[in-house]
Amino acid sequence: MTTNATNEKLSVRRRDVLRALGLGVAVTASAPLLDGAVANGASSDAKRKTRYQPNSQNVQTYYRVNRYPK
C-alpha cells in the first residue's frame, strides 16, 4: 500500500508534467501568430479599383432569380 505522502508527491509530478505539456502546446500553437503581417505589395490604385460590375451576367442572374414570386 502507498501512503498519502507518496500519493501527494506523485500527483504533484503529474501536474507539473501536464502543465509543461500544456505550455509547450500553447507555445507551439501560437508560433505562427508571432510572425508579422506581410503586405502583398498591391499599389494604392489596385486597392481602389472597382470590382463590382453591375452589368455582369452573374449579377443580372442574381437579381432575376430573386424577383421570382415566393
C-alpha atoms as a PDB file:
ATOM      1  CA  MET A   1       0.000   0.000   0.000  1.00  0.00           C
ATOM      2  CA  THR A   2       1.096   3.530  -0.639  1.00  0.00           C
ATOM      3  CA  THR A   3       0.958   6.287   1.889  1.00  0.00           C
ATOM      4  CA  ASN A   4      -0.784   9.601   1.485  1.00  0.00           C
ATOM      5  CA  ALA A   5       2.567  11.434   1.277  1.00  0.00           C
ATOM      6  CA  THR A   6       3.626   9.231  -1.649  1.00  0.00           C
ATOM      7  CA  ASN A   7       0.339   9.926  -3.461  1.00  0.00           C
ATOM      8  CA  GLU A   8       0.801  13.683  -2.992  1.00  0.00           C
ATOM      9  CA  LYS A   9       4.321  13.534  -4.424  1.00  0.00           C
ATOM     10  CA  LEU A  10       3.118  11.609  -7.466  1.00  0.00           C
ATOM     11  CA  SER A  11       0.194  13.954  -8.068  1.00  0.00           C
ATOM     12  CA  VAL A  12       2.476  16.986  -7.953  1.00  0.00           C
ATOM     13  CA  ARG A  13       4.735  15.380 -10.504  1.00  0.00           C
ATOM     14  CA  ARG A  14       1.804  14.608 -12.779  1.00  0.00           C
ATOM     15  CA  ARG A  15       0.569  18.173 -12.504  1.00  0.00           C
ATOM     16  CA  ASP A  16       3.985  19.517 -13.358  1.00  0.00           C
ATOM     17  CA  VAL A  17       4.248  17.263 -16.390  1.00  0.00           C
ATOM     18  CA  LEU A  18       0.767  18.167 -17.603  1.00  0.00           C
ATOM     19  CA  ARG A  19       1.417  21.862 -17.018  1.00  0.00           C
ATOM     20  CA  ALA A  20       4.655  21.651 -19.027  1.00  0.00           C
ATOM     21  CA  LEU A  21       2.896  19.812 -21.846  1.00  0.00           C
ATOM     22  CA  GLY A  22       0.107  22.383 -21.908  1.00  0.00           C
ATOM     23  CA  LEU A  23       2.602  25.225 -22.017  1.00  0.00           C
ATOM     24  CA  GLY A  24       4.505  23.537 -24.839  1.00  0.00           C
ATOM     25  CA  VAL A  25       1.337  23.079 -26.874  1.00  0.00           C
ATOM     26  CA  ALA A  26       0.331  26.702 -26.304  1.00  0.00           C
ATOM     27  CA  VAL A  27       3.722  27.989 -27.418  1.00  0.00           C
ATOM     28  CA  THR A  28       3.740  25.740 -30.469  1.00  0.00           C
ATOM     29  CA  ALA A  29       0.219  26.780 -31.469  1.00  0.00           C
ATOM     30  CA  SER A  30       0.968  30.492 -31.117  1.00  0.00           C
ATOM     31  CA  ALA A  31       4.223  30.419 -33.088  1.00  0.00           C
ATOM     32  CA  PRO A  32       2.552  31.190 -36.466  1.00  0.00           C
ATOM     33  CA  LEU A  33       0.767  34.132 -34.856  1.00  0.00           C
ATOM     34  CA  LEU A  34       4.046  35.722 -33.859  1.00  0.00           C
ATOM     35  CA  ASP A  35       5.110  36.314 -37.456  1.00  0.00           C
ATOM     36  CA  GLY A  36       4.422  39.841 -38.641  1.00  0.00           C
ATOM     37  CA  ALA A  37       1.787  40.524 -41.244  1.00  0.00           C
ATOM     38  CA  VAL A  38       3.235  40.853 -44.711  1.00  0.00           C
ATOM     39  CA  ALA A  39       1.716  43.209 -47.258  1.00  0.00           C
ATOM     40  CA  ASN A  40       1.032  41.762 -50.687  1.00  0.00           C
ATOM     41  CA  GLY A  41       2.569  44.781 -52.390  1.00  0.00           C
ATOM     42  CA  ALA A  42      -0.556  45.944 -54.205  1.00  0.00           C
ATOM     43  CA  SER A  43      -0.426  49.535 -55.319  1.00  0.00           C
ATOM     44  CA  SER A  44      -2.922  52.052 -53.984  1.00  0.00           C
ATOM     45  CA  ASP A  45      -4.557  52.226 -57.427  1.00  0.00           C
ATOM     46  CA  ALA A  46      -5.124  48.476 -57.420  1.00  0.00           C
ATOM     47  CA  LYS A  47      -6.687  48.694 -53.955  1.00  0.00           C
ATOM     48  CA  ARG A  48      -9.189  51.302 -55.096  1.00  0.00           C
ATOM     49  CA  LYS A  49     -10.079  49.562 -58.355  1.00  0.00           C
ATOM     50  CA  THR A  50     -13.789  48.991 -58.958  1.00  0.00           C
ATOM     51  CA  ARG A  51     -14.558  45.302 -58.666  1.00  0.00           C
ATOM     52  CA  TYR A  52     -18.358  45.315 -58.649  1.00  0.00           C
ATOM     53  CA  GLN A  53     -19.701  45.052 -62.182  1.00  0.00           C
ATOM     54  CA  PRO A  54     -23.480  45.682 -62.079  1.00  0.00           C
ATOM     55  CA  ASN A  55     -23.984  44.595 -65.684  1.00  0.00           C
ATOM     56  CA  SER A  56     -22.171  41.278 -65.390  1.00  0.00           C
ATOM     57  CA  GLN A  57     -24.063  38.078 -66.127  1.00  0.00           C
ATOM     58  CA  ASN A  58     -23.764  36.814 -62.537  1.00  0.00           C
ATOM     59  CA  VAL A  59     -25.272  39.961 -61.025  1.00  0.00           C
ATOM     60  CA  GLN A  60     -28.087  40.071 -63.569  1.00  0.00           C
ATOM     61  CA  THR A  61     -28.941  36.415 -62.884  1.00  0.00           C
ATOM     62  CA  TYR A  62     -28.956  37.029 -59.122  1.00  0.00           C
ATOM     63  CA  TYR A  63     -31.483  39.846 -59.371  1.00  0.00           C
ATOM     64  CA  ARG A  64     -33.588  37.990 -61.945  1.00  0.00           C
ATOM     65  CA  VAL A  65     -33.835  34.897 -59.746  1.00  0.00           C
ATOM     66  CA  ASN A  66     -34.680  36.913 -56.634  1.00  0.00           C
ATOM     67  CA  ARG A  67     -37.625  38.572 -58.399  1.00  0.00           C
ATOM     68  CA  TYR A  68     -39.453  35.239 -58.578  1.00  0.00           C
ATOM     69  CA  PRO A  69     -42.686  35.152 -56.591  1.00  0.00           C
ATOM     70  CA  LYS A  70     -42.467  33.492 -53.217  1.00  0.00           C
END
